[in-house]
């Protein structure tokens, strides 16, 4: 599954990151990738009675993102163990450059 996020100059996540050189922060990139992963869980579980959530992640940031960039989070479900789902993910920009790599995202239903 691929999620898409456009970053505009007035994006609240840019506030304070960093004056004069706005940079989309890692925590916001993490939330973007994790939300896409969490959206995949209901597709794998019938009758889910609560919202899925992320319990762990391992990430390597490769490049900065800022205003005018469009991010694409490609998230893949690798497997499932009981109520836990294991994903990998990659965030790329509109130039197809890798912004961040997620070795593991663990979500629970």
PDB file of N, CA and C in Angstrom:
ATOM      1  N   UNK A   1       0.855  -1.162   0.000  1.00  0.00           N
ATOM      2  CA  UNK A   1       0.000   0.000   0.000  1.00  0.00           C
ATOM      3  C   UNK A   1       0.902   1.226   0.000  1.00  0.00           C
ATOM      4  N   UNK A   2       0.479   2.236  -0.730  1.00  0.00           N
ATOM      5  CA  UNK A   2       1.249   3.473  -0.796  1.00  0.00           C
ATOM      6  C   UNK A   2       0.413   4.625  -0.283  1.00  0.00           C
ATOM      7  N   UNK A   3       0.980   5.392   0.641  1.00  0.00           N
ATOM      8  CA  UNK A   3       0.360   6.619   1.132  1.00  0.00           C
ATOM      9  C   UNK A   3       1.066   7.805   0.507  1.00  0.00           C
ATOM     10  N   UNK A   4       0.365   8.913   0.348  1.00  0.00           N
ATOM     11  CA  UNK A   4       0.922  10.116  -0.264  1.00  0.00           C
ATOM     12  C   UNK A   4       0.722  11.288   0.682  1.00  0.00           C
ATOM     13  N   UNK A   5       1.782  12.094   0.879  1.00  0.00           N
ATOM     14  CA  UNK A   5       1.735  13.262   1.767  1.00  0.00           C
ATOM     15  C   UNK A   5       2.439  14.427   1.087  1.00  0.00           C
ATOM     16  N   UNK A   6       1.694  15.497   0.821  1.00  0.00           N
ATOM     17  CA  UNK A   6       2.283  16.719   0.286  1.00  0.00           C
ATOM     18  C   UNK A   6       2.708  17.615   1.447  1.00  0.00           C
ATOM     19  N   UNK A   7       3.871  18.227   1.336  1.00  0.00           N
ATOM     20  CA  UNK A   7       4.366  19.118   2.388  1.00  0.00           C
ATOM     21  C   UNK A   7       4.281  20.550   1.872  1.00  0.00           C
ATOM     22  N   UNK A   8       3.467  21.354   2.526  1.00  0.00           N
ATOM     23  CA  UNK A   8       3.341  22.759   2.136  1.00  0.00           C
ATOM     24  C   UNK A   8       4.105  23.627   3.136  1.00  0.00           C
ATOM     25  N   UNK A   9       4.400  24.844   2.746  1.00  0.00           N
ATOM     26  CA  UNK A   9       5.178  25.751   3.593  1.00  0.00           C
ATOM     27  C   UNK A   9       4.450  26.046   4.909  1.00  0.00           C
ATOM     28  N   UNK A  10       3.110  25.934   4.921  1.00  0.00           N
ATOM     29  CA  UNK A  10       2.369  26.210   6.149  1.00  0.00           C
ATOM     30  C   UNK A  10       2.028  24.945   6.939  1.00  0.00           C
ATOM     31  N   UNK A  11       2.677  23.832   6.629  1.00  0.00           N
ATOM     32  CA  UNK A  11       2.459  22.583   7.360  1.00  0.00           C
ATOM     33  C   UNK A  11       2.873  22.796   8.818  1.00  0.00           C
ATOM     34  N   UNK A  12       1.974  22.522   9.773  1.00  0.00           N
ATOM     35  CA  UNK A  12       2.300  22.759  11.191  1.00  0.00           C
ATOM     36  C   UNK A  12       3.504  21.949  11.689  1.00  0.00           C
ATOM     37  N   UNK A  13       3.814  20.825  11.042  1.00  0.00           N
ATOM     38  CA  UNK A  13       4.974  20.036  11.479  1.00  0.00           C
ATOM     39  C   UNK A  13       6.300  20.719  11.166  1.00  0.00           C
ATOM     40  N   UNK A  14       6.288  21.721  10.296  1.00  0.00           N
ATOM     41  CA  UNK A  14       7.523  22.436   9.958  1.00  0.00           C
ATOM     42  C   UNK A  14       7.878  23.499  10.992  1.00  0.00           C
ATOM     43  N   UNK A  15       6.907  23.900  11.804  1.00  0.00           N
ATOM     44  CA  UNK A  15       7.120  24.966  12.773  1.00  0.00           C
ATOM     45  C   UNK A  15       8.296  24.650  13.697  1.00  0.00           C
ATOM     46  N   UNK A  16       9.309  25.485  13.626  1.00  0.00           N
ATOM     47  CA  UNK A  16      10.494  25.318  14.458  1.00  0.00           C
ATOM     48  C   UNK A  16      11.518  24.339  13.905  1.00  0.00           C
ATOM     49  N   UNK A  17      11.262  23.733  12.758  1.00  0.00           N
ATOM     50  CA  UNK A  17      12.166  22.728  12.159  1.00  0.00           C
ATOM     51  C   UNK A  17      12.580  23.166  10.760  1.00  0.00           C
ATOM     52  N   UNK A  18      13.416  23.863  10.503  1.00  0.00           N
ATOM     53  CA  UNK A  18      14.315  24.720  11.235  1.00  0.00           C
ATOM     54  C   UNK A  18      14.214  26.107  10.617  1.00  0.00           C
ATOM     55  N   UNK A  19      14.215  27.170  11.404  1.00  0.00           N
ATOM     56  CA  UNK A  19      14.063  28.521  10.848  1.00  0.00           C
ATOM     57  C   UNK A  19      15.099  28.778   9.745  1.00  0.00           C
ATOM     58  N   UNK A  20      14.618  29.252   8.619  1.00  0.00           N
ATOM     59  CA  UNK A  20      15.506  29.537   7.494  1.00  0.00           C
ATOM     60  C   UNK A  20      15.748  28.348   6.588  1.00  0.00           C
ATOM     61  N   UNK A  21      15.505  27.149   7.070  1.00  0.00           N
ATOM     62  CA  UNK A  21      15.687  25.923   6.268  1.00  0.00           C
ATOM     63  C   UNK A  21      14.651  24.896   6.722  1.00  0.00           C
ATOM     64  N   UNK A  22      13.358  25.141   6.419  1.00  0.00           N
ATOM     65  CA  UNK A  22      12.306  24.238   6.909  1.00  0.00           C
ATOM     66  C   UNK A  22      12.537  22.781   6.499  1.00  0.00           C
ATOM     67  N   UNK A  23      12.459  21.906   7.484  1.00  0.00           N
ATOM     68  CA  UNK A  23      12.690  20.476   7.276  1.00  0.00           C
ATOM     69  C   UNK A  23      11.548  19.699   7.912  1.00  0.00           C
ATOM     70  N   UNK A  24      10.969  18.772   7.155  1.00  0.00           N
ATOM     71  CA  UNK A  24       9.903  17.922   7.672  1.00  0.00           C
ATOM     72  C   UNK A  24      10.530  16.934   8.653  1.00  0.00           C
ATOM     73  N   UNK A  25      10.151  16.995   9.936  1.00  0.00           N
ATOM     74  CA  UNK A  25      10.846  16.225  10.978  1.00  0.00           C
ATOM     75  C   UNK A  25      10.598  14.717  10.918  1.00  0.00           C
ATOM     76  N   UNK A  26      11.549  13.977  11.462  1.00  0.00           N
ATOM     77  CA  UNK A  26      11.490  12.518  11.480  1.00  0.00           C
ATOM     78  C   UNK A  26      10.249  11.987  12.161  1.00  0.00           C
ATOM     79  N   UNK A  27       9.817  12.609  13.269  1.00  0.00           N
ATOM     80  CA  UNK A  27       8.639  12.084  13.963  1.00  0.00           C
ATOM     81  C   UNK A  27       7.405  12.153  13.069  1.00  0.00           C
ATOM     82  N   UNK A  28       7.317  13.180  12.206  1.00  0.00           N
ATOM     83  CA  UNK A  28       6.174  13.298  11.306  1.00  0.00           C
ATOM     84  C   UNK A  28       6.264  12.264  10.181  1.00  0.00           C
ATOM     85  N   UNK A  29       7.485  12.005   9.705  1.00  0.00           N
ATOM     86  CA  UNK A  29       7.673  10.948   8.710  1.00  0.00           C
ATOM     87  C   UNK A  29       7.292   9.598   9.305  1.00  0.00           C
ATOM     88  N   UNK A  30       7.687   9.367  10.563  1.00  0.00           N
ATOM     89  CA  UNK A  30       7.342   8.117  11.246  1.00  0.00           C
ATOM     90  C   UNK A  30       5.830   7.952  11.335  1.00  0.00           C
ATOM     91  N   UNK A  31       5.156   9.021  11.744  1.00  0.00           N
ATOM     92  CA  UNK A  31       3.706   8.924  11.888  1.00  0.00           C
ATOM     93  C   UNK A  31       3.045   8.636  10.542  1.00  0.00           C
ATOM     94  N   UNK A  32       3.552   9.260   9.490  1.00  0.00           N
ATOM     95  CA  UNK A  32       3.031   9.029   8.143  1.00  0.00           C
ATOM     96  C   UNK A  32       3.164   7.553   7.761  1.00  0.00           C
ATOM     97  N   UNK A  33       4.363   6.983   7.907  1.00  0.00           N
ATOM     98  CA  UNK A  33       4.582   5.570   7.559  1.00  0.00           C
ATOM     99  C   UNK A  33       3.753   4.649   8.447  1.00  0.00           C
ATOM    100  N   UNK A  34       3.675   4.964   9.737  1.00  0.00           N
ATOM    101  CA  UNK A  34       2.929   4.112  10.667  1.00  0.00           C
ATOM    102  C   UNK A  34       1.423   4.166  10.418  1.00  0.00           C
ATOM    103  N   UNK A  35       0.904   5.316  10.010  1.00  0.00           N
ATOM    104  CA  UNK A  35      -0.524   5.407   9.689  1.00  0.00           C
ATOM    105  C   UNK A  35      -0.861   4.560   8.461  1.00  0.00           C
ATOM    106  N   UNK A  36       0.037   4.565   7.479  1.00  0.00           N
ATOM    107  CA  UNK A  36      -0.191   3.717   6.302  1.00  0.00           C
ATOM    108  C   UNK A  36      -0.163   2.244   6.717  1.00  0.00           C
ATOM    109  N   UNK A  37       0.795   1.879   7.575  1.00  0.00           N
ATOM    110  CA  UNK A  37       0.863   0.493   8.059  1.00  0.00           C
ATOM    111  C   UNK A  37      -0.403   0.136   8.836  1.00  0.00           C
ATOM    112  N   UNK A  38      -0.853   1.034   9.708  1.00  0.00           N
ATOM    113  CA  UNK A  38      -2.054   0.764  10.502  1.00  0.00           C
ATOM    114  C   UNK A  38      -3.286   0.621   9.611  1.00  0.00           C
ATOM    115  N   UNK A  39      -3.315   1.317   8.488  1.00  0.00           N
ATOM    116  CA  UNK A  39      -4.443   1.206   7.559  1.00  0.00           C
ATOM    117  C   UNK A  39      -4.502  -0.175   6.905  1.00  0.00           C
ATOM    118  N   UNK A  40      -3.358  -0.859   6.830  1.00  0.00           N
ATOM    119  CA  UNK A  40      -3.321  -2.204   6.243  1.00  0.00           C
ATOM    120  C   UNK A  40      -3.888  -3.271   7.175  1.00  0.00           C
ATOM    121  N   UNK A  41      -3.816  -3.057   8.474  1.00  0.00           N
ATOM    122  CA  UNK A  41      -4.242  -4.082   9.432  1.00  0.00           C
ATOM    123  C   UNK A  41      -5.712  -4.465   9.265  1.00  0.00           C
ATOM    124  N   UNK A  42      -6.640  -3.496   9.172  1.00  0.00           N
ATOM    125  CA  UNK A  42      -8.046  -3.897   9.009  1.00  0.00           C
ATOM    126  C   UNK A  42      -8.304  -4.696   7.730  1.00  0.00           C
ATOM    127  N   UNK A  43      -7.432  -4.575   6.747  1.00  0.00           N
ATOM    128  CA  UNK A  43      -7.588  -5.356   5.521  1.00  0.00           C
ATOM    129  C   UNK A  43      -7.242  -6.821   5.754  1.00  0.00           C
ATOM    130  N   UNK A  44      -6.513  -7.092   6.844  1.00  0.00           N
ATOM    131  CA  UNK A  44      -6.078  -8.453   7.147  1.00  0.00           C
ATOM    132  C   UNK A  44      -6.878  -9.101   8.271  1.00  0.00           C
ATOM    133  N   UNK A  45      -7.676  -8.318   8.987  1.00  0.00           N
ATOM    134  CA  UNK A  45      -8.427  -8.823  10.140  1.00  0.00           C
ATOM    135  C   UNK A  45      -9.910  -8.537   9.934  1.00  0.00           C
ATOM    136  N   UNK A  46     -10.709  -9.571   9.922  1.00  0.00           N
ATOM    137  CA  UNK A  46     -12.158  -9.386   9.796  1.00  0.00           C
ATOM    138  C   UNK A  46     -12.745  -9.085  11.170  1.00  0.00           C
ATOM    139  N   UNK A  47     -13.674  -8.141  11.203  1.00  0.00           N
ATOM    140  CA  UNK A  47     -14.371  -7.835  12.449  1.00  0.00           C
ATOM    141  C   UNK A  47     -13.505  -7.169  13.492  1.00  0.00           C
ATOM    142  N   UNK A  48     -12.518  -6.393  13.078  1.00  0.00           N
ATOM    143  CA  UNK A  48     -11.640  -5.692  14.018  1.00  0.00           C
ATOM    144  C   UNK A  48     -12.492  -4.790  14.910  1.00  0.00           C
ATOM    145  N   UNK A  49     -12.385  -4.950  16.233  1.00  0.00           N
ATOM    146  CA  UNK A  49     -13.249  -4.205  17.138  1.00  0.00           C
ATOM    147  C   UNK A  49     -12.557  -3.022  17.815  1.00  0.00           C
ATOM    148  N   UNK A  50     -11.326  -2.716  17.416  1.00  0.00           N
ATOM    149  CA  UNK A  50     -10.633  -1.545  17.947  1.00  0.00           C
ATOM    150  C   UNK A  50      -9.637  -1.052  16.906  1.00  0.00           C
ATOM    151  N   UNK A  51      -9.160   0.163  17.121  1.00  0.00           N
ATOM    152  CA  UNK A  51      -8.216   0.742  16.177  1.00  0.00           C
ATOM    153  C   UNK A  51      -6.844   0.083  16.319  1.00  0.00           C
ATOM    154  N   UNK A  52      -6.197  -0.198  15.191  1.00  0.00           N
ATOM    155  CA  UNK A  52      -4.834  -0.747  15.256  1.00  0.00           C
ATOM    156  C   UNK A  52      -3.860   0.336  15.706  1.00  0.00           C
ATOM    157  N   UNK A  53      -2.709  -0.081  16.199  1.00  0.00           N
ATOM    158  CA  UNK A  53      -1.695   0.870  16.649  1.00  0.00           C
ATOM    159  C   UNK A  53      -0.311   0.290  16.417  1.00  0.00           C
ATOM    160  N   UNK A  54       0.678   1.170  16.398  1.00  0.00           N
ATOM    161  CA  UNK A  54       2.063   0.760  16.181  1.00  0.00           C
ATOM    162  C   UNK A  54       2.761   0.685  17.530  1.00  0.00           C
ATOM    163  N   UNK A  55       3.505  -0.398  17.755  1.00  0.00           N
ATOM    164  CA  UNK A  55       4.172  -0.594  19.039  1.00  0.00           C
ATOM    165  C   UNK A  55       5.692  -0.484  18.953  1.00  0.00           C
ATOM    166  N   UNK A  56       6.243  -0.544  17.745  1.00  0.00           N
ATOM    167  CA  UNK A  56       7.704  -0.501  17.613  1.00  0.00           C
ATOM    168  C   UNK A  56       8.057  -0.161  16.175  1.00  0.00           C
ATOM    169  N   UNK A  57       9.209   0.514  16.002  1.00  0.00           N
ATOM    170  CA  UNK A  57       9.703   0.764  14.649  1.00  0.00           C
ATOM    171  C   UNK A  57      11.222   0.884  14.669  1.00  0.00           C
ATOM    172  N   UNK A  58      11.843   0.528  13.552  1.00  0.00           N
ATOM    173  CA  UNK A  58      13.290   0.684  13.351  1.00  0.00           C
ATOM    174  C   UNK A  58      13.439   1.448  12.045  1.00  0.00           C
ATOM    175  N   UNK A  59      14.078   2.614  12.099  1.00  0.00           N
ATOM    176  CA  UNK A  59      14.134   3.483  10.918  1.00  0.00           C
ATOM    177  C   UNK A  59      15.543   4.035  10.703  1.00  0.00           C
ATOM    178  N   UNK A  60      15.870   4.279   9.429  1.00  0.00           N
ATOM    179  CA  UNK A  60      17.100   4.981   9.041  1.00  0.00           C
ATOM    180  C   UNK A  60      16.685   6.137   8.135  1.00  0.00           C
ATOM    181  N   UNK A  61      17.028   7.349   8.555  1.00  0.00           N
ATOM    182  CA  UNK A  61      16.734   8.522   7.738  1.00  0.00           C
ATOM    183  C   UNK A  61      17.872   8.717   6.745  1.00  0.00           C
ATOM    184  N   UNK A  62      17.515   8.975   5.491  1.00  0.00           N
ATOM    185  CA  UNK A  62      18.506   9.076   4.424  1.00  0.00           C
ATOM    186  C   UNK A  62      18.667  10.489   3.881  1.00  0.00           C
ATOM    187  N   UNK A  63      17.581  11.261   3.865  1.00  0.00           N
ATOM    188  CA  UNK A  63      17.588  12.557   3.206  1.00  0.00           C
ATOM    189  C   UNK A  63      16.519  13.442   3.843  1.00  0.00           C
ATOM    190  N   UNK A  64      16.729  14.756   3.814  1.00  0.00           N
ATOM    191  CA  UNK A  64      15.738  15.694   4.338  1.00  0.00           C
ATOM    192  C   UNK A  64      14.590  15.879   3.362  1.00  0.00           C
ATOM    193  N   UNK A  65      13.443  16.245   3.904  1.00  0.00           N
ATOM    194  CA  UNK A  65      12.276  16.609   3.100  1.00  0.00           C
ATOM    195  C   UNK A  65      11.799  17.963   3.596  1.00  0.00           C
ATOM    196  N   UNK A  66      11.223  18.746   2.695  1.00  0.00           N
ATOM    197  CA  UNK A  66      10.777  20.082   3.078  1.00  0.00           C
ATOM    198  C   UNK A  66       9.622  20.552   2.226  1.00  0.00           C
ATOM    199  N   UNK A  67       9.276  21.848   2.359  1.00  0.00           N
ATOM    200  CA  UNK A  67       8.153  22.413   1.618  1.00  0.00           C
ATOM    201  C   UNK A  67       8.294  22.162   0.118  1.00  0.00           C
ATOM    202  N   UNK A  68       7.189  21.785  -0.496  1.00  0.00           N
ATOM    203  CA  UNK A  68       7.188  21.508  -1.928  1.00  0.00           C
ATOM    204  C   UNK A  68       7.413  20.046  -2.256  1.00  0.00           C
ATOM    205  N   UNK A  69       7.904  19.283  -1.279  1.00  0.00           N
ATOM    206  CA  UNK A  69       8.114  17.854  -1.510  1.00  0.00           C
ATOM    207  C   UNK A  69       6.791  17.105  -1.376  1.00  0.00           C
ATOM    208  N   UNK A  70       6.674  16.035  -2.122  1.00  0.00           N
ATOM    209  CA  UNK A  70       5.579  15.081  -1.970  1.00  0.00           C
ATOM    210  C   UNK A  70       6.213  13.765  -1.566  1.00  0.00           C
ATOM    211  N   UNK A  71       5.745  13.208  -0.465  1.00  0.00           N
ATOM    212  CA  UNK A  71       6.297  11.957   0.046  1.00  0.00           C
ATOM    213  C   UNK A  71       5.371  10.796  -0.286  1.00  0.00           C
ATOM    214  N   UNK A  72       5.985   9.668  -0.601  1.00  0.00           N
ATOM    215  CA  UNK A  72       5.260   8.434  -0.900  1.00  0.00           C
ATOM    216  C   UNK A  72       5.774   7.369   0.046  1.00  0.00           C
ATOM    217  N   UNK A  73       4.903   6.834   0.893  1.00  0.00           N
ATOM    218  CA  UNK A  73       5.274   5.769   1.825  1.00  0.00           C
ATOM    219  C   UNK A  73       4.793   4.448   1.241  1.00  0.00           C
ATOM    220  N   UNK A  74       5.737   3.614   0.835  1.00  0.00           N
ATOM    221  CA  UNK A  74       5.413   2.287   0.317  1.00  0.00           C
ATOM    222  C   UNK A  74       5.577   1.305   1.470  1.00  0.00           C
ATOM    223  N   UNK A  75       4.470   0.788   1.959  1.00  0.00           N
ATOM    224  CA  UNK A  75       4.467  -0.088   3.131  1.00  0.00           C
ATOM    225  C   UNK A  75       4.067  -1.493   2.706  1.00  0.00           C
ATOM    226  N   UNK A  76       4.843  -2.473   3.160  1.00  0.00           N
ATOM    227  CA  UNK A  76       4.588  -3.875   2.814  1.00  0.00           C
ATOM    228  C   UNK A  76       4.385  -4.695   4.084  1.00  0.00           C
ATOM    229  N   UNK A  77       3.332  -5.494   4.090  1.00  0.00           N
ATOM    230  CA  UNK A  77       3.093  -6.421   5.189  1.00  0.00           C
ATOM    231  C   UNK A  77       3.985  -7.635   4.968  1.00  0.00           C
ATOM    232  N   UNK A  78       4.877  -7.904   5.926  1.00  0.00           N
ATOM    233  CA  UNK A  78       5.809  -9.032   5.809  1.00  0.00           C
ATOM    234  C   UNK A  78       5.264 -10.305   6.435  1.00  0.00           C
ATOM    235  N   UNK A  79       4.467 -10.144   7.490  1.00  0.00           N
ATOM    236  CA  UNK A  79       3.936 -11.327   8.155  1.00  0.00           C
ATOM    237  C   UNK A  79       3.128 -10.960   9.376  1.00  0.00           C
ATOM    238  N   UNK A  80       2.590 -11.992   9.993  1.00  0.00           N
ATOM    239  CA  UNK A  80       1.749 -11.805  11.167  1.00  0.00           C
ATOM    240  C   UNK A  80       2.059 -12.889  12.186  1.00  0.00           C
ATOM    241  N   UNK A  81       2.088 -12.503  13.455  1.00  0.00           N
ATOM    242  CA  UNK A  81       2.276 -13.447  14.547  1.00  0.00           C
ATOM    243  C   UNK A  81       1.275 -13.069  15.633  1.00  0.00           C
ATOM    244  N   UNK A  82       0.231 -13.881  15.763  1.00  0.00           N
ATOM    245  CA  UNK A  82      -0.855 -13.623  16.700  1.00  0.00           C
ATOM    246  C   UNK A  82      -1.503 -12.284  16.353  1.00  0.00           C
ATOM    247  N   UNK A  83      -1.554 -11.344  17.306  1.00  0.00           N
ATOM    248  CA  UNK A  83      -2.177 -10.050  17.031  1.00  0.00           C
ATOM    249  C   UNK A  83      -1.189  -9.014  16.494  1.00  0.00           C
ATOM    250  N   UNK A  84       0.054  -9.415  16.247  1.00  0.00           N
ATOM    251  CA  UNK A  84       1.076  -8.487  15.776  1.00  0.00           C
ATOM    252  C   UNK A  84       1.335  -8.640  14.278  1.00  0.00           C
ATOM    253  N   UNK A  85       1.525  -7.515  13.619  1.00  0.00           N
ATOM    254  CA  UNK A  85       1.778  -7.463  12.188  1.00  0.00           C
ATOM    255  C   UNK A  85       3.137  -6.824  11.959  1.00  0.00           C
ATOM    256  N   UNK A  86       3.959  -7.399  11.102  1.00  0.00           N
ATOM    257  CA  UNK A  86       5.296  -6.882  10.834  1.00  0.00           C
ATOM    258  C   UNK A  86       5.325  -6.316   9.413  1.00  0.00           C
ATOM    259  N   UNK A  87       5.772  -5.067   9.326  1.00  0.00           N
ATOM    260  CA  UNK A  87       5.825  -4.355   8.059  1.00  0.00           C
ATOM    261  C   UNK A  87       7.244  -3.875   7.777  1.00  0.00           C
ATOM    262  N   UNK A  88       7.531  -3.622   6.513  1.00  0.00           N
ATOM    263  CA  UNK A  88       8.703  -2.841   6.132  1.00  0.00           C
ATOM    264  C   UNK A  88       8.150  -1.661   5.334  1.00  0.00           C
ATOM    265  N   UNK A  89       8.935  -0.590   5.248  1.00  0.00           N
ATOM    266  CA  UNK A  89       8.449   0.584   4.524  1.00  0.00           C
ATOM    267  C   UNK A  89       9.617   1.394   3.993  1.00  0.00           C
ATOM    268  N   UNK A  90       9.300   2.181   2.991  1.00  0.00           N
ATOM    269  CA  UNK A  90      10.273   3.094   2.412  1.00  0.00           C
ATOM    270  C   UNK A  90       9.514   4.369   2.067  1.00  0.00           C
ATOM    271  N   UNK A  91      10.077   5.510   2.457  1.00  0.00           N
ATOM    272  CA  UNK A  91       9.505   6.791   2.063  1.00  0.00           C
ATOM    273  C   UNK A  91      10.403   7.376   0.984  1.00  0.00           C
ATOM    274  N   UNK A  92       9.793   7.763  -0.134  1.00  0.00           N
ATOM    275  CA  UNK A  92      10.510   8.392  -1.253  1.00  0.00           C
ATOM    276  C   UNK A  92       9.881   9.749  -1.531  1.00  0.00           C
ATOM    277  N   UNK A  93      10.662  10.627  -2.161  1.00  0.00           N
ATOM    278  CA  UNK A  93      10.108  11.914  -2.564  1.00  0.00           C
ATOM    279  C   UNK A  93       9.690  11.867  -4.029  1.00  0.00           C
ATOM    280  N   UNK A  94       9.230  12.993  -4.538  1.00  0.00           N
ATOM    281  CA  UNK A  94       8.747  13.068  -5.916  1.00  0.00           C
ATOM    282  C   UNK A  94       9.854  12.834  -6.940  1.00  0.00           C
ATOM    283  N   UNK A  95      11.112  12.920  -6.521  1.00  0.00           N
ATOM    284  CA  UNK A  95      12.251  12.637  -7.412  1.00  0.00           C
ATOM    285  C   UNK A  95      12.665  11.177  -7.326  1.00  0.00           C
ATOM    286  N   UNK A  96      11.894  10.369  -6.582  1.00  0.00           N
ATOM    287  CA  UNK A  96      12.154   8.953  -6.357  1.00  0.00           C
ATOM    288  C   UNK A  96      13.412   8.715  -5.523  1.00  0.00           C
ATOM    289  N   UNK A  97      13.795   9.707  -4.702  1.00  0.00           N
ATOM    290  CA  UNK A  97      14.933   9.573  -3.791  1.00  0.00           C
ATOM    291  C   UNK A  97      14.428   8.998  -2.469  1.00  0.00           C
ATOM    292  N   UNK A  98      15.188   8.090  -1.880  1.00  0.00           N
ATOM    293  CA  UNK A  98      14.798   7.492  -0.599  1.00  0.00           C
ATOM    294  C   UNK A  98      15.025   8.513   0.513  1.00  0.00           C
ATOM    295  N   UNK A  99      13.961   8.797   1.260  1.00  0.00           N
ATOM    296  CA  UNK A  99      14.014   9.717   2.394  1.00  0.00           C
ATOM    297  C   UNK A  99      14.251   8.946   3.690  1.00  0.00           C
ATOM    298  N   UNK A 100      13.562   7.814   3.841  1.00  0.00           N
ATOM    299  CA  UNK A 100      13.691   6.999   5.053  1.00  0.00           C
ATOM    300  C   UNK A 100      13.379   5.549   4.717  1.00  0.00           C
ATOM    301  N   UNK A 101      14.050   4.636   5.443  1.00  0.00           N
ATOM    302  CA  UNK A 101      13.808   3.206   5.298  1.00  0.00           C
ATOM    303  C   UNK A 101      13.406   2.642   6.654  1.00  0.00           C
ATOM    304  N   UNK A 102      12.323   1.920   6.665  1.00  0.00           N
ATOM    305  CA  UNK A 102      11.828   1.294   7.877  1.00  0.00           C
ATOM    306  C   UNK A 102      12.067  -0.198   7.752  1.00  0.00           C
ATOM    307  N   UNK A 103      13.000  -0.679   8.537  1.00  0.00           N
ATOM    308  CA  UNK A 103      13.329  -2.104   8.536  1.00  0.00           C
ATOM    309  C   UNK A 103      12.189  -2.904   9.136  1.00  0.00           C
ATOM    310  N   UNK A 104      11.557  -2.304  10.153  1.00  0.00           N
ATOM    311  CA  UNK A 104      10.477  -3.023  10.836  1.00  0.00           C
ATOM    312  C   UNK A 104       9.514  -2.039  11.461  1.00  0.00           C
ATOM    313  N   UNK A 105       8.252  -2.242  11.201  1.00  0.00           N
ATOM    314  CA  UNK A 105       7.180  -1.548  11.896  1.00  0.00           C
ATOM    315  C   UNK A 105       6.289  -2.660  12.438  1.00  0.00           C
ATOM    316  N   UNK A 106       6.042  -2.649  13.734  1.00  0.00           N
ATOM    317  CA  UNK A 106       5.183  -3.672  14.332  1.00  0.00           C
ATOM    318  C   UNK A 106       3.893  -3.018  14.771  1.00  0.00           C
ATOM    319  N   UNK A 107       2.792  -3.515  14.243  1.00  0.00           N
ATOM    320  CA  UNK A 107       1.488  -3.006  14.597  1.00  0.00           C
ATOM    321  C   UNK A 107       0.667  -4.097  15.266  1.00  0.00           C
ATOM    322  N   UNK A 108      -0.305  -3.693  16.055  1.00  0.00           N
ATOM    323  CA  UNK A 108      -1.149  -4.662  16.758  1.00  0.00           C
ATOM    324  C   UNK A 108      -2.607  -4.344  16.511  1.00  0.00           C
ATOM    325  N   UNK A 109      -3.400  -5.399  16.474  1.00  0.00           N
ATOM    326  CA  UNK A 109      -4.837  -5.243  16.275  1.00  0.00           C
ATOM    327  C   UNK A 109      -5.558  -5.538  17.575  1.00  0.00           C
TER     328      UNK A 109
END
